[in-house]
PDB file of N, CA and C in Angstrom:
ATOM      1  N   MET A   1     -22.714 -18.440  12.181  1.00  0.00           N
ATOM      2  CA  MET A   1     -21.491 -17.923  12.786  1.00  0.00           C
ATOM      3  C   MET A   1     -20.459 -17.662  11.685  1.00  0.00           C
ATOM      4  N   PRO A   2     -19.853 -16.486  11.669  1.00  0.00           N
ATOM      5  CA  PRO A   2     -18.855 -16.188  10.644  1.00  0.00           C
ATOM      6  C   PRO A   2     -17.636 -17.089  10.782  1.00  0.00           C
ATOM      7  N   THR A   3     -17.107 -17.511   9.649  1.00  0.00           N
ATOM      8  CA  THR A   3     -15.951 -18.400   9.689  1.00  0.00           C
ATOM      9  C   THR A   3     -14.802 -17.891   8.840  1.00  0.00           C
ATOM     10  N   GLY A   4     -14.859 -16.663   8.351  1.00  0.00           N
ATOM     11  CA  GLY A   4     -13.795 -16.126   7.523  1.00  0.00           C
ATOM     12  C   GLY A   4     -12.497 -15.985   8.293  1.00  0.00           C
ATOM     13  N   TRP A   5     -11.405 -15.911   7.579  1.00  0.00           N
ATOM     14  CA  TRP A   5     -10.106 -15.835   8.238  1.00  0.00           C
ATOM     15  C   TRP A   5      -9.956 -14.523   8.992  1.00  0.00           C
ATOM     16  N   ASP A   6     -10.564 -13.455   8.495  1.00  0.00           N
ATOM     17  CA  ASP A   6     -10.476 -12.182   9.205  1.00  0.00           C
ATOM     18  C   ASP A   6     -11.245 -12.226  10.520  1.00  0.00           C
ATOM     19  N   TYR A   7     -12.326 -13.018  10.576  1.00  0.00           N
ATOM     20  CA  TYR A   7     -13.063 -13.206  11.822  1.00  0.00           C
ATOM     21  C   TYR A   7     -12.205 -13.970  12.830  1.00  0.00           C
ATOM     22  N   LEU A   8     -11.499 -15.004  12.356  1.00  0.00           N
ATOM     23  CA  LEU A   8     -10.616 -15.772  13.233  1.00  0.00           C
ATOM     24  C   LEU A   8      -9.485 -14.898  13.771  1.00  0.00           C
ATOM     25  N   VAL A   9      -8.947 -14.043  12.910  1.00  0.00           N
ATOM     26  CA  VAL A   9      -7.878 -13.137  13.320  1.00  0.00           C
ATOM     27  C   VAL A   9      -8.376 -12.204  14.412  1.00  0.00           C
ATOM     28  N   ASP A  10      -9.602 -11.718  14.260  1.00  0.00           N
ATOM     29  CA  ASP A  10     -10.161 -10.800  15.245  1.00  0.00           C
ATOM     30  C   ASP A  10     -10.377 -11.502  16.592  1.00  0.00           C
ATOM     31  N   LEU A  11     -10.743 -12.783  16.573  1.00  0.00           N
ATOM     32  CA  LEU A  11     -10.937 -13.532  17.817  1.00  0.00           C
ATOM     33  C   LEU A  11      -9.635 -13.708  18.593  1.00  0.00           C
ATOM     34  N   GLN A  12      -8.546 -13.946  17.875  1.00  0.00           N
ATOM     35  CA  GLN A  12      -7.257 -14.246  18.519  1.00  0.00           C
ATOM     36  C   GLN A  12      -6.351 -13.020  18.522  1.00  0.00           C
ATOM     37  N   ARG A  13      -6.907 -11.862  18.747  1.00  0.00           N
ATOM     38  CA  ARG A  13      -6.224 -10.577  18.605  1.00  0.00           C
ATOM     39  C   ARG A  13      -4.933 -10.457  19.422  1.00  0.00           C
ATOM     40  N   ASN A  14      -4.866 -10.969  20.641  1.00  0.00           N
ATOM     41  CA  ASN A  14      -3.706 -10.745  21.512  1.00  0.00           C
ATOM     42  C   ASN A  14      -2.827 -11.972  21.713  1.00  0.00           C
ATOM     43  N   LYS A  15      -2.932 -12.957  20.855  1.00  0.00           N
ATOM     44  CA  LYS A  15      -2.124 -14.166  20.977  1.00  0.00           C
ATOM     45  C   LYS A  15      -1.242 -14.298  19.739  1.00  0.00           C
ATOM     46  N   PRO A  16       0.019 -13.886  19.819  1.00  0.00           N
ATOM     47  CA  PRO A  16       0.852 -13.840  18.612  1.00  0.00           C
ATOM     48  C   PRO A  16       1.074 -15.195  17.952  1.00  0.00           C
ATOM     49  N   GLY A  17       1.255 -16.245  18.732  1.00  0.00           N
ATOM     50  CA  GLY A  17       1.491 -17.564  18.148  1.00  0.00           C
ATOM     51  C   GLY A  17       0.292 -18.071  17.378  1.00  0.00           C
ATOM     52  N   THR A  18      -0.880 -17.968  17.994  1.00  0.00           N
ATOM     53  CA  THR A  18      -2.114 -18.414  17.347  1.00  0.00           C
ATOM     54  C   THR A  18      -2.437 -17.533  16.151  1.00  0.00           C
ATOM     55  N   LEU A  19      -2.188 -16.251  16.284  1.00  0.00           N
ATOM     56  CA  LEU A  19      -2.450 -15.305  15.206  1.00  0.00           C
ATOM     57  C   LEU A  19      -1.594 -15.624  13.985  1.00  0.00           C
ATOM     58  N   ALA A  20      -0.329 -15.938  14.215  1.00  0.00           N
ATOM     59  CA  ALA A  20       0.565 -16.293  13.110  1.00  0.00           C
ATOM     60  C   ALA A  20       0.108 -17.571  12.423  1.00  0.00           C
ATOM     61  N   LYS A  21      -0.358 -18.549  13.200  1.00  0.00           N
ATOM     62  CA  LYS A  21      -0.855 -19.797  12.602  1.00  0.00           C
ATOM     63  C   LYS A  21      -2.088 -19.542  11.745  1.00  0.00           C
ATOM     64  N   ILE A  22      -2.986 -18.679  12.220  1.00  0.00           N
ATOM     65  CA  ILE A  22      -4.196 -18.371  11.459  1.00  0.00           C
ATOM     66  C   ILE A  22      -3.823 -17.684  10.145  1.00  0.00           C
ATOM     67  N   ILE A  23      -2.895 -16.733  10.213  1.00  0.00           N
ATOM     68  CA  ILE A  23      -2.470 -16.047   8.989  1.00  0.00           C
ATOM     69  C   ILE A  23      -1.829 -17.036   8.032  1.00  0.00           C
ATOM     70  N   LYS A  24      -1.013 -17.930   8.563  1.00  0.00           N
ATOM     71  CA  LYS A  24      -0.279 -18.876   7.724  1.00  0.00           C
ATOM     72  C   LYS A  24      -1.190 -19.921   7.086  1.00  0.00           C
ATOM     73  N   HIS A  25      -2.203 -20.393   7.817  1.00  0.00           N
ATOM     74  CA  HIS A  25      -2.997 -21.513   7.326  1.00  0.00           C
ATOM     75  C   HIS A  25      -4.388 -21.126   6.816  1.00  0.00           C
ATOM     76  N   ASN A  26      -4.985 -20.054   7.322  1.00  0.00           N
ATOM     77  CA  ASN A  26      -6.368 -19.741   6.982  1.00  0.00           C
ATOM     78  C   ASN A  26      -6.525 -18.558   6.038  1.00  0.00           C
ATOM     79  N   ALA A  27      -5.455 -17.821   5.775  1.00  0.00           N
ATOM     80  CA  ALA A  27      -5.559 -16.671   4.879  1.00  0.00           C
ATOM     81  C   ALA A  27      -5.788 -17.164   3.450  1.00  0.00           C
ATOM     82  N   PRO A  28      -6.471 -16.375   2.637  1.00  0.00           N
ATOM     83  CA  PRO A  28      -6.665 -16.757   1.235  1.00  0.00           C
ATOM     84  C   PRO A  28      -5.331 -16.872   0.493  1.00  0.00           C
ATOM     85  N   ARG A  29      -5.341 -17.602  -0.603  1.00  0.00           N
ATOM     86  CA  ARG A  29      -4.120 -17.882  -1.344  1.00  0.00           C
ATOM     87  C   ARG A  29      -3.415 -16.608  -1.808  1.00  0.00           C
ATOM     88  N   TYR A  30      -4.173 -15.613  -2.294  1.00  0.00           N
ATOM     89  CA  TYR A  30      -3.534 -14.400  -2.793  1.00  0.00           C
ATOM     90  C   TYR A  30      -2.842 -13.629  -1.666  1.00  0.00           C
ATOM     91  N   VAL A  31      -3.373 -13.710  -0.435  1.00  0.00           N
ATOM     92  CA  VAL A  31      -2.725 -13.054   0.701  1.00  0.00           C
ATOM     93  C   VAL A  31      -1.439 -13.805   1.050  1.00  0.00           C
ATOM     94  N   LYS A  32      -1.497 -15.123   1.052  1.00  0.00           N
ATOM     95  CA  LYS A  32      -0.299 -15.920   1.335  1.00  0.00           C
ATOM     96  C   LYS A  32       0.799 -15.640   0.317  1.00  0.00           C
ATOM     97  N   GLN A  33       0.412 -15.518  -0.967  1.00  0.00           N
ATOM     98  CA  GLN A  33       1.399 -15.249  -2.016  1.00  0.00           C
ATOM     99  C   GLN A  33       2.037 -13.874  -1.826  1.00  0.00           C
ATOM    100  N   GLN A  34       1.238 -12.893  -1.448  1.00  0.00           N
ATOM    101  CA  GLN A  34       1.789 -11.554  -1.242  1.00  0.00           C
ATOM    102  C   GLN A  34       2.681 -11.510  -0.003  1.00  0.00           C
ATOM    103  N   ILE A  35       2.351 -12.289   1.036  1.00  0.00           N
ATOM    104  CA  ILE A  35       3.209 -12.362   2.220  1.00  0.00           C
ATOM    105  C   ILE A  35       4.545 -13.017   1.855  1.00  0.00           C
ATOM    106  N   GLN A  36       4.502 -14.078   1.046  1.00  0.00           N
ATOM    107  CA  GLN A  36       5.744 -14.728   0.600  1.00  0.00           C
ATOM    108  C   GLN A  36       6.598 -13.762  -0.209  1.00  0.00           C
ATOM    109  N   ARG A  37       5.957 -12.916  -1.025  1.00  0.00           N
ATOM    110  CA  ARG A  37       6.679 -11.912  -1.803  1.00  0.00           C
ATOM    111  C   ARG A  37       7.374 -10.921  -0.869  1.00  0.00           C
ATOM    112  N   LEU A  38       6.677 -10.490   0.187  1.00  0.00           N
ATOM    113  CA  LEU A  38       7.273  -9.568   1.163  1.00  0.00           C
ATOM    114  C   LEU A  38       8.471 -10.193   1.872  1.00  0.00           C
ATOM    115  N   ILE A  39       8.382 -11.490   2.164  1.00  0.00           N
ATOM    116  CA  ILE A  39       9.494 -12.194   2.809  1.00  0.00           C
ATOM    117  C   ILE A  39      10.692 -12.269   1.862  1.00  0.00           C
ATOM    118  N   ARG A  40      10.432 -12.580   0.573  1.00  0.00           N
ATOM    119  CA  ARG A  40      11.526 -12.640  -0.414  1.00  0.00           C
ATOM    120  C   ARG A  40      12.198 -11.281  -0.592  1.00  0.00           C
ATOM    121  N   GLU A  41      11.389 -10.206  -0.569  1.00  0.00           N
ATOM    122  CA  GLU A  41      11.939  -8.857  -0.737  1.00  0.00           C
ATOM    123  C   GLU A  41      12.662  -8.372   0.518  1.00  0.00           C
ATOM    124  N   GLY A  42      12.475  -9.031   1.643  1.00  0.00           N
ATOM    125  CA  GLY A  42      13.154  -8.671   2.875  1.00  0.00           C
ATOM    126  C   GLY A  42      12.439  -7.620   3.708  1.00  0.00           C
ATOM    127  N   LYS A  43      11.188  -7.322   3.389  1.00  0.00           N
ATOM    128  CA  LYS A  43      10.443  -6.336   4.170  1.00  0.00           C
ATOM    129  C   LYS A  43      10.025  -6.893   5.525  1.00  0.00           C
ATOM    130  N   ILE A  44       9.769  -8.193   5.576  1.00  0.00           N
ATOM    131  CA  ILE A  44       9.477  -8.869   6.842  1.00  0.00           C
ATOM    132  C   ILE A  44      10.274 -10.176   6.887  1.00  0.00           C
ATOM    133  N   LYS A  45      10.501 -10.687   8.094  1.00  0.00           N
ATOM    134  CA  LYS A  45      11.260 -11.930   8.231  1.00  0.00           C
ATOM    135  C   LYS A  45      10.369 -13.150   8.066  1.00  0.00           C
ATOM    136  N   ASN A  46       9.210 -13.122   8.747  1.00  0.00           N
ATOM    137  CA  ASN A  46       8.297 -14.266   8.700  1.00  0.00           C
ATOM    138  C   ASN A  46       6.888 -13.806   9.061  1.00  0.00           C
ATOM    139  N   VAL A  47       5.958 -14.744   9.079  1.00  0.00           N
ATOM    140  CA  VAL A  47       4.567 -14.440   9.381  1.00  0.00           C
ATOM    141  C   VAL A  47       4.406 -14.005  10.837  1.00  0.00           C
ATOM    142  N   GLN A  48       5.220 -14.552  11.702  1.00  0.00           N
ATOM    143  CA  GLN A  48       5.174 -14.202  13.128  1.00  0.00           C
ATOM    144  C   GLN A  48       5.382 -12.702  13.337  1.00  0.00           C
ATOM    145  N   GLU A  49       6.213 -12.099  12.506  1.00  0.00           N
ATOM    146  CA  GLU A  49       6.502 -10.670  12.631  1.00  0.00           C
ATOM    147  C   GLU A  49       5.248  -9.828  12.377  1.00  0.00           C
ATOM    148  N   ILE A  50       4.391 -10.251  11.458  1.00  0.00           N
ATOM    149  CA  ILE A  50       3.140  -9.525  11.187  1.00  0.00           C
ATOM    150  C   ILE A  50       2.257  -9.531  12.430  1.00  0.00           C
ATOM    151  N   ALA A  51       2.154 -10.691  13.077  1.00  0.00           N
ATOM    152  CA  ALA A  51       1.341 -10.801  14.291  1.00  0.00           C
ATOM    153  C   ALA A  51       1.908  -9.932  15.411  1.00  0.00           C
ATOM    154  N   GLU A  52       3.221  -9.920  15.549  1.00  0.00           N
ATOM    155  CA  GLU A  52       3.848  -9.115  16.597  1.00  0.00           C
ATOM    156  C   GLU A  52       3.656  -7.621  16.362  1.00  0.00           C
ATOM    157  N   ILE A  53       3.741  -7.183  15.100  1.00  0.00           N
ATOM    158  CA  ILE A  53       3.507  -5.772  14.776  1.00  0.00           C
ATOM    159  C   ILE A  53       2.079  -5.386  15.126  1.00  0.00           C
ATOM    160  N   ALA A  54       1.137  -6.257  14.782  1.00  0.00           N
ATOM    161  CA  ALA A  54      -0.273  -5.970  15.053  1.00  0.00           C
ATOM    162  C   ALA A  54      -0.530  -5.825  16.549  1.00  0.00           C
ATOM    163  N   ILE A  55       0.067  -6.691  17.353  1.00  0.00           N
ATOM    164  CA  ILE A  55      -0.147  -6.631  18.801  1.00  0.00           C
ATOM    165  C   ILE A  55       0.585  -5.435  19.414  1.00  0.00           C
ATOM    166  N   ARG A  56       1.807  -5.195  18.962  1.00  0.00           N
ATOM    167  CA  ARG A  56       2.601  -4.091  19.514  1.00  0.00           C
ATOM    168  C   ARG A  56       1.955  -2.729  19.227  1.00  0.00           C
ATOM    169  N   GLU A  57       1.439  -2.539  17.999  1.00  0.00           N
ATOM    170  CA  GLU A  57       0.845  -1.260  17.620  1.00  0.00           C
ATOM    171  C   GLU A  57      -0.656  -1.208  17.900  1.00  0.00           C
ATOM    172  N   ASN A  58      -1.208  -2.283  18.474  1.00  0.00           N
ATOM    173  CA  ASN A  58      -2.628  -2.383  18.812  1.00  0.00           C
ATOM    174  C   ASN A  58      -3.523  -2.117  17.600  1.00  0.00           C
ATOM    175  N   LYS A  59      -3.186  -2.773  16.491  1.00  0.00           N
ATOM    176  CA  LYS A  59      -3.965  -2.675  15.255  1.00  0.00           C
ATOM    177  C   LYS A  59      -4.457  -4.061  14.893  1.00  0.00           C
ATOM    178  N   ASP A  60      -5.441  -4.109  13.996  1.00  0.00           N
ATOM    179  CA  ASP A  60      -5.840  -5.423  13.516  1.00  0.00           C
ATOM    180  C   ASP A  60      -4.892  -5.844  12.389  1.00  0.00           C
ATOM    181  N   VAL A  61      -4.810  -7.145  12.160  1.00  0.00           N
ATOM    182  CA  VAL A  61      -3.847  -7.708  11.223  1.00  0.00           C
ATOM    183  C   VAL A  61      -4.105  -7.222   9.803  1.00  0.00           C
ATOM    184  N   ILE A  62      -5.355  -7.039   9.452  1.00  0.00           N
ATOM    185  CA  ILE A  62      -5.675  -6.631   8.085  1.00  0.00           C
ATOM    186  C   ILE A  62      -5.144  -5.229   7.801  1.00  0.00           C
ATOM    187  N   SER A  63      -5.215  -4.320   8.776  1.00  0.00           N
ATOM    188  CA  SER A  63      -4.663  -2.982   8.553  1.00  0.00           C
ATOM    189  C   SER A  63      -3.134  -3.032   8.482  1.00  0.00           C
ATOM    190  N   VAL A  64      -2.494  -3.910   9.247  1.00  0.00           N
ATOM    191  CA  VAL A  64      -1.035  -4.068   9.159  1.00  0.00           C
ATOM    192  C   VAL A  64      -0.656  -4.602   7.783  1.00  0.00           C
ATOM    193  N   LEU A  65      -1.415  -5.574   7.283  1.00  0.00           N
ATOM    194  CA  LEU A  65      -1.156  -6.105   5.949  1.00  0.00           C
ATOM    195  C   LEU A  65      -1.360  -5.035   4.884  1.00  0.00           C
ATOM    196  N   ASN A  66      -2.378  -4.193   5.050  1.00  0.00           N
ATOM    197  CA  ASN A  66      -2.610  -3.106   4.095  1.00  0.00           C
ATOM    198  C   ASN A  66      -1.442  -2.132   4.083  1.00  0.00           C
ATOM    199  N   GLU A  67      -0.871  -1.826   5.261  1.00  0.00           N
ATOM    200  CA  GLU A  67       0.287  -0.941   5.333  1.00  0.00           C
ATOM    201  C   GLU A  67       1.501  -1.549   4.636  1.00  0.00           C
ATOM    202  N   LEU A  68       1.617  -2.874   4.665  1.00  0.00           N
ATOM    203  CA  LEU A  68       2.729  -3.547   4.004  1.00  0.00           C
ATOM    204  C   LEU A  68       2.493  -3.730   2.505  1.00  0.00           C
ATOM    205  N   GLY A  69       1.297  -3.402   2.036  1.00  0.00           N
ATOM    206  CA  GLY A  69       1.006  -3.498   0.606  1.00  0.00           C
ATOM    207  C   GLY A  69       0.196  -4.722   0.220  1.00  0.00           C
ATOM    208  N   VAL A  70      -0.285  -5.482   1.190  1.00  0.00           N
ATOM    209  CA  VAL A  70      -1.120  -6.650   0.910  1.00  0.00           C
ATOM    210  C   VAL A  70      -2.570  -6.204   0.984  1.00  0.00           C
ATOM    211  N   GLU A  71      -3.287  -6.329  -0.117  1.00  0.00           N
ATOM    212  CA  GLU A  71      -4.665  -5.859  -0.150  1.00  0.00           C
ATOM    213  C   GLU A  71      -5.639  -7.024  -0.145  1.00  0.00           C
ATOM    214  N   ASN A  72      -6.760  -6.830   0.527  1.00  0.00           N
ATOM    215  CA  ASN A  72      -7.833  -7.804   0.558  1.00  0.00           C
ATOM    216  C   ASN A  72      -8.704  -7.577  -0.664  1.00  0.00           C
ATOM    217  N   LYS A  73      -8.956  -8.619  -1.436  1.00  0.00           N
ATOM    218  CA  LYS A  73      -9.750  -8.474  -2.655  1.00  0.00           C
ATOM    219  C   LYS A  73     -11.216  -8.242  -2.328  1.00  0.00           C
ATOM    220  N   LYS A  74     -11.874  -7.482  -3.181  1.00  0.00           N
ATOM    221  CA  LYS A  74     -13.325  -7.335  -3.104  1.00  0.00           C
ATOM    222  C   LYS A  74     -13.922  -8.353  -4.068  1.00  0.00           C
ATOM    223  N   ASN A  75     -15.042  -8.945  -3.668  1.00  0.00           N
ATOM    224  CA  ASN A  75     -15.702  -9.883  -4.563  1.00  0.00           C
ATOM    225  C   ASN A  75     -16.292  -9.129  -5.737  1.00  0.00           C
ATOM    226  N   LYS A  76     -16.022  -9.605  -6.959  1.00  0.00           N
ATOM    227  CA  LYS A  76     -16.550  -8.961  -8.150  1.00  0.00           C
ATOM    228  C   LYS A  76     -17.872  -9.586  -8.565  1.00  0.00           C
ATOM    229  N   TYR A  77     -18.075 -10.841  -8.193  1.00  0.00           N
ATOM    230  CA  TYR A  77     -19.298 -11.530  -8.544  1.00  0.00           C
ATOM    231  C   TYR A  77     -19.593 -12.563  -7.469  1.00  0.00           C
ATOM    232  N   GLY A  78     -20.790 -13.086  -7.479  1.00  0.00           N
ATOM    233  CA  GLY A  78     -21.181 -14.080  -6.489  1.00  0.00           C
ATOM    234  C   GLY A  78     -21.963 -13.459  -5.353  1.00  0.00           C
ATOM    235  N   LYS A  79     -22.249 -14.281  -4.380  1.00  0.00           N
ATOM    236  CA  LYS A  79     -23.106 -13.861  -3.279  1.00  0.00           C
ATOM    237  C   LYS A  79     -22.487 -12.753  -2.430  1.00  0.00           C
ATOM    238  N   GLY A  80     -21.185 -12.751  -2.271  1.00  0.00           N
ATOM    239  CA  GLY A  80     -20.534 -11.762  -1.425  1.00  0.00           C
ATOM    240  C   GLY A  80     -20.299 -10.420  -2.085  1.00  0.00           C
ATOM    241  N   ALA A  81     -20.612 -10.302  -3.374  1.00  0.00           N
ATOM    242  CA  ALA A  81     -20.340  -9.059  -4.094  1.00  0.00           C
ATOM    243  C   ALA A  81     -21.360  -7.978  -3.788  1.00  0.00           C
ATOM    244  N   ILE A  82     -22.580  -8.365  -3.467  1.00  0.00           N
ATOM    245  CA  ILE A  82     -23.652  -7.398  -3.256  1.00  0.00           C
ATOM    246  C   ILE A  82     -24.146  -7.518  -1.826  1.00  0.00           C
ATOM    247  N   LYS A  83     -24.301  -6.384  -1.157  1.00  0.00           N
ATOM    248  CA  LYS A  83     -24.843  -6.429   0.191  1.00  0.00           C
ATOM    249  C   LYS A  83     -25.974  -5.426   0.327  1.00  0.00           C
ATOM    250  N   CYS A  84     -26.786  -5.628   1.345  1.00  0.00           N
ATOM    251  CA  CYS A  84     -27.941  -4.780   1.600  1.00  0.00           C
ATOM    252  C   CYS A  84     -27.475  -3.371   1.939  1.00  0.00           C
ATOM    253  N   ALA A  85     -28.127  -2.388   1.358  1.00  0.00           N
ATOM    254  CA  ALA A  85     -27.766  -0.991   1.607  1.00  0.00           C
ATOM    255  C   ALA A  85     -28.142  -0.555   3.015  1.00  0.00           C
ATOM    256  N   ILE A  86     -29.058  -1.280   3.659  1.00  0.00           N
ATOM    257  CA  ILE A  86     -29.529  -0.887   4.983  1.00  0.00           C
ATOM    258  C   ILE A  86     -28.776  -1.617   6.084  1.00  0.00           C
ATOM    259  N   CYS A  87     -28.784  -2.959   6.034  1.00  0.00           N
ATOM    260  CA  CYS A  87     -28.202  -3.724   7.147  1.00  0.00           C
ATOM    261  C   CYS A  87     -26.857  -4.374   6.812  1.00  0.00           C
ATOM    262  N   GLY A  88     -26.465  -4.427   5.549  1.00  0.00           N
ATOM    263  CA  GLY A  88     -25.182  -5.004   5.179  1.00  0.00           C
ATOM    264  C   GLY A  88     -25.189  -6.504   4.983  1.00  0.00           C
ATOM    265  N   SER A  89     -26.349  -7.133   5.023  1.00  0.00           N
ATOM    266  CA  SER A  89     -26.466  -8.577   4.857  1.00  0.00           C
ATOM    267  C   SER A  89     -26.232  -8.959   3.395  1.00  0.00           C
ATOM    268  N   HIS A  90     -25.806 -10.199   3.169  1.00  0.00           N
ATOM    269  CA  HIS A  90     -25.627 -10.713   1.810  1.00  0.00           C
ATOM    270  C   HIS A  90     -26.758 -11.672   1.420  1.00  0.00           C
ATOM    271  N   GLU A  91     -27.740 -11.841   2.275  1.00  0.00           N
ATOM    272  CA  GLU A  91     -28.826 -12.801   2.059  1.00  0.00           C
ATOM    273  C   GLU A  91     -29.996 -12.151   1.324  1.00  0.00           C
ATOM    274  N   ARG A  92     -30.592 -12.853   0.368  1.00  0.00           N
ATOM    275  CA  ARG A  92     -31.839 -12.472  -0.317  1.00  0.00           C
ATOM    276  C   ARG A  92     -31.849 -11.019  -0.802  1.00  0.00           C
ATOM    277  N   ILE A  93     -30.859 -10.604  -1.555  1.00  0.00           N
ATOM    278  CA  ILE A  93     -30.781  -9.224  -2.028  1.00  0.00           C
ATOM    279  C   ILE A  93     -31.769  -9.011  -3.175  1.00  0.00           C
ATOM    280  N   ILE A  94     -32.591  -7.967  -3.057  1.00  0.00           N
ATOM    281  CA  ILE A  94     -33.544  -7.604  -4.104  1.00  0.00           C
ATOM    282  C   ILE A  94     -32.916  -6.478  -4.912  1.00  0.00           C
ATOM    283  N   ARG A  95     -32.575  -6.803  -6.180  1.00  0.00           N
ATOM    284  CA  ARG A  95     -31.915  -5.820  -7.031  1.00  0.00           C
ATOM    285  C   ARG A  95     -32.886  -5.144  -7.987  1.00  0.00           C
ATOM    286  N   LEU A  96     -34.102  -5.632  -8.040  1.00  0.00           N
ATOM    287  CA  LEU A  96     -35.102  -5.095  -8.945  1.00  0.00           C
ATOM    288  C   LEU A  96     -35.345  -3.617  -8.646  1.00  0.00           C
ATOM    289  N   TYR A  97     -35.446  -2.822  -9.672  1.00  0.00           N
ATOM    290  CA  TYR A  97     -35.643  -1.365  -9.566  1.00  0.00           C
ATOM    291  C   TYR A  97     -34.477  -0.665  -8.875  1.00  0.00           C
ATOM    292  N   GLY A  98     -33.331  -1.308  -8.806  1.00  0.00           N
ATOM    293  CA  GLY A  98     -32.162  -0.684  -8.187  1.00  0.00           C
ATOM    294  C   GLY A  98     -32.267  -0.549  -6.683  1.00  0.00           C
ATOM    295  N   LEU A  99     -33.038  -1.431  -6.034  1.00  0.00           N
ATOM    296  CA  LEU A  99     -33.236  -1.321  -4.588  1.00  0.00           C
ATOM    297  C   LEU A  99     -31.991  -1.735  -3.800  1.00  0.00           C
ATOM    298  N   TYR A 100     -31.413  -2.897  -4.108  1.00  0.00           N
ATOM    299  CA  TYR A 100     -30.253  -3.448  -3.418  1.00  0.00           C
ATOM    300  C   TYR A 100     -30.450  -3.495  -1.904  1.00  0.00           C
ATOM    301  N   ILE A 101     -31.586  -4.034  -1.486  1.00  0.00           N
ATOM    302  CA  ILE A 101     -31.825  -4.283  -0.062  1.00  0.00           C
ATOM    303  C   ILE A 101     -32.232  -5.736   0.111  1.00  0.00           C
ATOM    304  N   CYS A 102     -32.014  -6.268   1.297  1.00  0.00           N
ATOM    305  CA  CYS A 102     -32.325  -7.675   1.542  1.00  0.00           C
ATOM    306  C   CYS A 102     -33.832  -7.858   1.729  1.00  0.00           C
ATOM    307  N   GLY A 103     -34.283  -9.087   1.639  1.00  0.00           N
ATOM    308  CA  GLY A 103     -35.698  -9.388   1.762  1.00  0.00           C
ATOM    309  C   GLY A 103     -36.278  -8.990   3.098  1.00  0.00           C
ATOM    310  N   ARG A 104     -35.497  -9.115   4.126  1.00  0.00           N
ATOM    311  CA  ARG A 104     -35.970  -8.761   5.467  1.00  0.00           C
ATOM    312  C   ARG A 104     -36.219  -7.250   5.578  1.00  0.00           C
ATOM    313  N   CYS A 105     -35.254  -6.460   5.129  1.00  0.00           N
ATOM    314  CA  CYS A 105     -35.423  -5.001   5.178  1.00  0.00           C
ATOM    315  C   CYS A 105     -36.532  -4.553   4.237  1.00  0.00           C
ATOM    316  N   PHE A 106     -36.649  -5.245   3.091  1.00  0.00           N
ATOM    317  CA  PHE A 106     -37.715  -4.895   2.153  1.00  0.00           C
ATOM    318  C   PHE A 106     -39.081  -5.138   2.782  1.00  0.00           C
ATOM    319  N   ARG A 107     -39.218  -6.267   3.462  1.00  0.00           N
ATOM    320  CA  ARG A 107     -40.503  -6.590   4.086  1.00  0.00           C
ATOM    321  C   ARG A 107     -40.862  -5.558   5.162  1.00  0.00           C
ATOM    322  N   GLU A 108     -39.860  -5.085   5.902  1.00  0.00           N
ATOM    323  CA  GLU A 108     -40.116  -4.097   6.941  1.00  0.00           C
ATOM    324  C   GLU A 108     -40.472  -2.725   6.364  1.00  0.00           C
ATOM    325  N   ARG A 109     -39.939  -2.406   5.179  1.00  0.00           N
ATOM    326  CA  ARG A 109     -40.091  -1.054   4.641  1.00  0.00           C
ATOM    327  C   ARG A 109     -40.856  -0.989   3.328  1.00  0.00           C
ATOM    328  N   ALA A 110     -41.531  -2.051   2.937  1.00  0.00           N
ATOM    329  CA  ALA A 110     -42.213  -2.085   1.639  1.00  0.00           C
ATOM    330  C   ALA A 110     -43.258  -0.984   1.506  1.00  0.00           C
ATOM    331  N   HIS A 111     -44.051  -0.768   2.539  1.00  0.00           N
ATOM    332  CA  HIS A 111     -45.091   0.260   2.458  1.00  0.00           C
ATOM    333  C   HIS A 111     -44.479   1.662   2.396  1.00  0.00           C
ATOM    334  N   LEU A 112     -43.318   1.867   3.010  1.00  0.00           N
ATOM    335  CA  LEU A 112     -42.638   3.163   2.935  1.00  0.00           C
ATOM    336  C   LEU A 112     -42.067   3.430   1.537  1.00  0.00           C
ATOM    337  N   LEU A 113     -41.702   2.344   0.850  1.00  0.00           N
ATOM    338  CA  LEU A 113     -41.138   2.474  -0.490  1.00  0.00           C
ATOM    339  C   LEU A 113     -42.225   2.609  -1.560  1.00  0.00           C
ATOM    340  N   GLY A 114     -43.496   2.488  -1.158  1.00  0.00           N
ATOM    341  CA  GLY A 114     -44.588   2.662  -2.103  1.00  0.00           C
ATOM    342  C   GLY A 114     -45.128   1.378  -2.680  1.00  0.00           C
ATOM    343  N   PHE A 115     -44.751   0.241  -2.128  1.00  0.00           N
ATOM    344  CA  PHE A 115     -45.267  -1.034  -2.595  1.00  0.00           C
ATOM    345  C   PHE A 115     -46.541  -1.360  -1.830  1.00  0.00           C
ATOM    346  N   LYS A 116     -47.440  -2.005  -2.520  1.00  0.00           N
ATOM    347  CA  LYS A 116     -48.699  -2.429  -1.889  1.00  0.00           C
ATOM    348  C   LYS A 116     -48.440  -3.764  -1.207  1.00  0.00           C
ATOM    349  N   VAL A 117     -48.634  -3.835   0.094  1.00  0.00           N
ATOM    350  CA  VAL A 117     -48.365  -5.049   0.870  1.00  0.00           C
ATOM    351  C   VAL A 117     -49.598  -5.933   0.829  1.00  0.00           C
ATOM    352  N   MET A 118     -49.444  -7.136   0.276  1.00  0.00           N
ATOM    353  CA  MET A 118     -50.554  -8.084   0.155  1.00  0.00           C
ATOM    354  C   MET A 118     -50.374  -9.197   1.173  1.00  0.00           C
ATOM    355  N   GLY A 119     -51.447  -9.754   1.658  1.00  0.00           N
ATOM    356  CA  GLY A 119     -51.406 -10.915   2.521  1.00  0.00           C
ATOM    357  C   GLY A 119     -51.164 -10.627   3.988  1.00  0.00           C
ATOM    358  N   GLU A 120     -51.380  -9.430   4.423  1.00  0.00           N
ATOM    359  CA  GLU A 120     -51.215  -9.136   5.861  1.00  0.00           C
ATOM    360  C   GLU A 120     -52.516  -8.683   6.456  1.00  0.00           C
TER     361      GLU A 120
END
């Protein structure tokens, strides 16, 4: 089950109080720092205002944050940096020969890619 803060935000889409708490407590540190910068600059009053804007304009919180100048970082290294070109999974990525597909998709399509399937 996904446990990222953006997943939690998506679950609590129409509850401004809960949404503000999730943004305040579960967002990554760099997002919290950028929100504090926006508050100091006077662009927003508090975290609650971000949740209210998202609900009023029927947008997700991440797109509202992007409009305010808060960007979500992309992973440069580690398990989350590479995903399967077919299904988008981050599990068991095969990078050999520039494939960049997960083991499951590779097993399903190995004969189509020209690999000799042994043991079946």
